[in-house]
Amino acid sequence: VQLVESGGGLVQPGGSLRLSCTASGFTFSTYAMGWYRQAPGKQRESVASITSGGSTNYADSVKGRFTISRDNAKNTVYLQMNSLKPEDTAVYYCNKARGGWYSWGQGTQVTVSS
C-alpha cells in the first residue's frame, strides 16, 4: 500500500490550495477515505472524509471552507482548501477513514502565513 500526498505549500491567509492523494495497493474505490492533519506539538486530527459513494463529513473547524472529493478512476482523493487561516498550518495526510489505517505517507506541508 502506498499513499502519496501532494499540493501543499506556503499561502497567505485567505488563500486557497488543492491537495491530492494518490493511492495504490488496495481497492481504492471500495473504501471511505479521509484527510488528516498534524500541527507541531499536536495530535493528528481528522479533517474530512468521503465514503465510497461520495458522502462527505467535515470537522467543524473546516466546515464551509474545505471540500473533499474523489476520483476512483485515478485512485485519488482531493482536498480543496479555501479561506485558509494560520491555524490550518499543519502536515496533511490521507488514509482510510474507518477500519484502521494503512501506513502513513510522507504528508504534504501546508503553511498559512503572511
C-alpha atoms as a PDB file:
ATOM      1  CA  VAL A   1       0.000   0.000   0.000  1.00  0.00           C
ATOM      2  CA  GLN A   2       1.224   3.453  -0.873  1.00  0.00           C
ATOM      3  CA  LEU A   3      -0.322   6.838  -0.159  1.00  0.00           C
ATOM      4  CA  VAL A   4       1.305   9.853  -1.803  1.00  0.00           C
ATOM      5  CA  GLU A   5       0.170  13.327  -0.839  1.00  0.00           C
ATOM      6  CA  SER A   6       0.986  16.467  -2.789  1.00  0.00           C
ATOM      7  CA  GLY A   7      -0.117  20.029  -3.362  1.00  0.00           C
ATOM      8  CA  GLY A   8       0.925  21.725  -0.158  1.00  0.00           C
ATOM      9  CA  GLY A   9       2.841  24.957   0.090  1.00  0.00           C
ATOM     10  CA  LEU A  10       3.046  28.405   1.585  1.00  0.00           C
ATOM     11  CA  VAL A  11      -0.066  30.535   1.199  1.00  0.00           C
ATOM     12  CA  GLN A  12      -1.281  33.796   2.670  1.00  0.00           C
ATOM     13  CA  PRO A  13      -4.316  33.899   4.956  1.00  0.00           C
ATOM     14  CA  GLY A  14      -7.461  33.834   2.854  1.00  0.00           C
ATOM     15  CA  GLY A  15      -5.755  31.901   0.093  1.00  0.00           C
ATOM     16  CA  SER A  16      -6.504  28.500  -1.391  1.00  0.00           C
ATOM     17  CA  LEU A  17      -4.740  25.221  -2.022  1.00  0.00           C
ATOM     18  CA  ARG A  18      -5.779  21.914  -3.531  1.00  0.00           C
ATOM     19  CA  LEU A  19      -4.238  18.790  -2.066  1.00  0.00           C
ATOM     20  CA  SER A  20      -4.109  15.442  -3.854  1.00  0.00           C
ATOM     21  CA  CYS A  21      -3.521  11.942  -2.545  1.00  0.00           C
ATOM     22  CA  THR A  22      -2.910   9.069  -4.912  1.00  0.00           C
ATOM     23  CA  ALA A  23      -3.337   5.583  -3.516  1.00  0.00           C
ATOM     24  CA  SER A  24      -2.103   2.213  -4.694  1.00  0.00           C
ATOM     25  CA  GLY A  25      -2.023  -1.355  -3.440  1.00  0.00           C
ATOM     26  CA  PHE A  26      -5.647  -1.690  -2.414  1.00  0.00           C
ATOM     27  CA  THR A  27      -9.114  -1.408  -3.947  1.00  0.00           C
ATOM     28  CA  PHE A  28      -9.401   2.340  -3.500  1.00  0.00           C
ATOM     29  CA  SER A  29     -12.956   2.681  -4.804  1.00  0.00           C
ATOM     30  CA  THR A  30     -14.412   0.461  -2.077  1.00  0.00           C
ATOM     31  CA  TYR A  31     -13.000   2.389   0.881  1.00  0.00           C
ATOM     32  CA  ALA A  32     -14.035   5.532   2.680  1.00  0.00           C
ATOM     33  CA  MET A  33     -11.067   7.890   2.621  1.00  0.00           C
ATOM     34  CA  GLY A  34     -10.085  10.772   4.830  1.00  0.00           C
ATOM     35  CA  TRP A  35      -7.778  13.715   5.128  1.00  0.00           C
ATOM     36  CA  TYR A  36      -5.970  14.265   8.402  1.00  0.00           C
ATOM     37  CA  ARG A  37      -3.574  16.898   9.657  1.00  0.00           C
ATOM     38  CA  GLN A  38      -0.978  17.248  12.365  1.00  0.00           C
ATOM     39  CA  ALA A  39       0.242  20.602  13.582  1.00  0.00           C
ATOM     40  CA  PRO A  40       3.513  20.952  15.513  1.00  0.00           C
ATOM     41  CA  GLY A  41       3.093  19.731  19.075  1.00  0.00           C
ATOM     42  CA  LYS A  42      -0.443  18.495  18.468  1.00  0.00           C
ATOM     43  CA  GLN A  43      -2.074  15.150  17.808  1.00  0.00           C
ATOM     44  CA  ARG A  44      -3.140  14.128  14.345  1.00  0.00           C
ATOM     45  CA  GLU A  45      -6.765  15.051  13.731  1.00  0.00           C
ATOM     46  CA  SER A  46      -9.380  14.177  11.150  1.00  0.00           C
ATOM     47  CA  VAL A  47     -10.236  16.992   8.764  1.00  0.00           C
ATOM     48  CA  ALA A  48     -12.660  15.468   6.257  1.00  0.00           C
ATOM     49  CA  SER A  49     -13.854  12.131   4.985  1.00  0.00           C
ATOM     50  CA  ILE A  50     -15.675  10.753   1.967  1.00  0.00           C
ATOM     51  CA  THR A  51     -17.386   7.410   1.607  1.00  0.00           C
ATOM     52  CA  SER A  52     -17.097   5.144  -1.401  1.00  0.00           C
ATOM     53  CA  GLY A  53     -20.450   6.530  -2.502  1.00  0.00           C
ATOM     54  CA  GLY A  54     -19.388  10.144  -2.170  1.00  0.00           C
ATOM     55  CA  SER A  55     -20.980  11.181   1.133  1.00  0.00           C
ATOM     56  CA  THR A  56     -18.796  13.675   2.968  1.00  0.00           C
ATOM     57  CA  ASN A  57     -18.142  14.749   6.533  1.00  0.00           C
ATOM     58  CA  TYR A  58     -16.057  17.614   7.898  1.00  0.00           C
ATOM     59  CA  ALA A  59     -14.517  18.756  11.133  1.00  0.00           C
ATOM     60  CA  ASP A  60     -16.292  21.813  12.498  1.00  0.00           C
ATOM     61  CA  SER A  61     -13.108  23.847  12.142  1.00  0.00           C
ATOM     62  CA  VAL A  62     -13.067  23.469   8.340  1.00  0.00           C
ATOM     63  CA  LYS A  63     -16.741  23.170   7.508  1.00  0.00           C
ATOM     64  CA  GLY A  64     -17.714  25.595   4.752  1.00  0.00           C
ATOM     65  CA  ARG A  65     -14.080  26.195   3.770  1.00  0.00           C
ATOM     66  CA  PHE A  66     -12.761  22.761   2.743  1.00  0.00           C
ATOM     67  CA  THR A  67     -14.205  20.330   0.212  1.00  0.00           C
ATOM     68  CA  ILE A  68     -13.196  16.692  -0.100  1.00  0.00           C
ATOM     69  CA  SER A  69     -13.741  14.792  -3.343  1.00  0.00           C
ATOM     70  CA  ARG A  70     -12.501  11.649  -5.034  1.00  0.00           C
ATOM     71  CA  ASP A  71     -11.816  10.259  -8.486  1.00  0.00           C
ATOM     72  CA  ASN A  72     -11.976   6.493  -8.289  1.00  0.00           C
ATOM     73  CA  ALA A  73     -10.691   6.127 -11.855  1.00  0.00           C
ATOM     74  CA  LYS A  74      -7.480   7.842 -10.751  1.00  0.00           C
ATOM     75  CA  ASN A  75      -7.335   6.317  -7.247  1.00  0.00           C
ATOM     76  CA  THR A  76      -7.084   9.870  -5.967  1.00  0.00           C
ATOM     77  CA  VAL A  77      -8.732  11.840  -3.207  1.00  0.00           C
ATOM     78  CA  TYR A  78      -8.612  15.638  -3.166  1.00  0.00           C
ATOM     79  CA  LEU A  79      -8.960  18.369  -0.573  1.00  0.00           C
ATOM     80  CA  GLN A  80      -9.860  21.825  -1.824  1.00  0.00           C
ATOM     81  CA  MET A  81      -8.989  24.322   0.888  1.00  0.00           C
ATOM     82  CA  ASN A  82     -10.323  27.867   0.675  1.00  0.00           C
ATOM     83  CA  SER A  83     -10.234  30.827   3.055  1.00  0.00           C
ATOM     84  CA  LEU A  84      -7.170  29.377   4.717  1.00  0.00           C
ATOM     85  CA  LYS A  85      -6.254  30.515   8.210  1.00  0.00           C
ATOM     86  CA  PRO A  86      -2.942  30.394  10.095  1.00  0.00           C
ATOM     87  CA  GLU A  87      -4.413  27.685  12.323  1.00  0.00           C
ATOM     88  CA  ASP A  88      -4.713  25.438   9.251  1.00  0.00           C
ATOM     89  CA  THR A  89      -0.913  25.187   9.200  1.00  0.00           C
ATOM     90  CA  ALA A  90      -0.013  21.511   9.503  1.00  0.00           C
ATOM     91  CA  VAL A  91       1.220  18.466   7.658  1.00  0.00           C
ATOM     92  CA  TYR A  92      -1.728  16.949   5.812  1.00  0.00           C
ATOM     93  CA  TYR A  93      -2.117  13.216   5.266  1.00  0.00           C
ATOM     94  CA  CYS A  94      -4.670  10.939   3.659  1.00  0.00           C
ATOM     95  CA  ASN A  95      -5.652   7.463   4.769  1.00  0.00           C
ATOM     96  CA  LYS A  96      -8.674   5.243   5.194  1.00  0.00           C
ATOM     97  CA  ALA A  97     -11.490   6.943   7.063  1.00  0.00           C
ATOM     98  CA  ARG A  98     -12.510   3.879   9.082  1.00  0.00           C
ATOM     99  CA  GLY A  99     -11.491   0.339   9.920  1.00  0.00           C
ATOM    100  CA  GLY A 100      -7.906   1.141  10.855  1.00  0.00           C
ATOM    101  CA  TRP A 101      -5.158   2.891   8.940  1.00  0.00           C
ATOM    102  CA  TYR A 102      -2.601   1.860   6.410  1.00  0.00           C
ATOM    103  CA  SER A 103       0.974   3.032   6.902  1.00  0.00           C
ATOM    104  CA  TRP A 104       1.047   6.807   6.673  1.00  0.00           C
ATOM    105  CA  GLY A 105       2.580   8.560   3.715  1.00  0.00           C
ATOM    106  CA  GLN A 106       5.022  11.416   3.972  1.00  0.00           C
ATOM    107  CA  GLY A 107       2.281  14.011   4.053  1.00  0.00           C
ATOM    108  CA  THR A 108       2.313  17.454   2.475  1.00  0.00           C
ATOM    109  CA  GLN A 109       3.133  20.613   4.407  1.00  0.00           C
ATOM    110  CA  VAL A 110       0.626  23.453   4.380  1.00  0.00           C
ATOM    111  CA  THR A 111       1.796  26.749   5.842  1.00  0.00           C
ATOM    112  CA  VAL A 112      -0.573  29.687   6.100  1.00  0.00           C
ATOM    113  CA  SER A 113       1.305  32.855   6.879  1.00  0.00           C
ATOM    114  CA  SER A 114       1.616  36.442   5.749  1.00  0.00           C
END
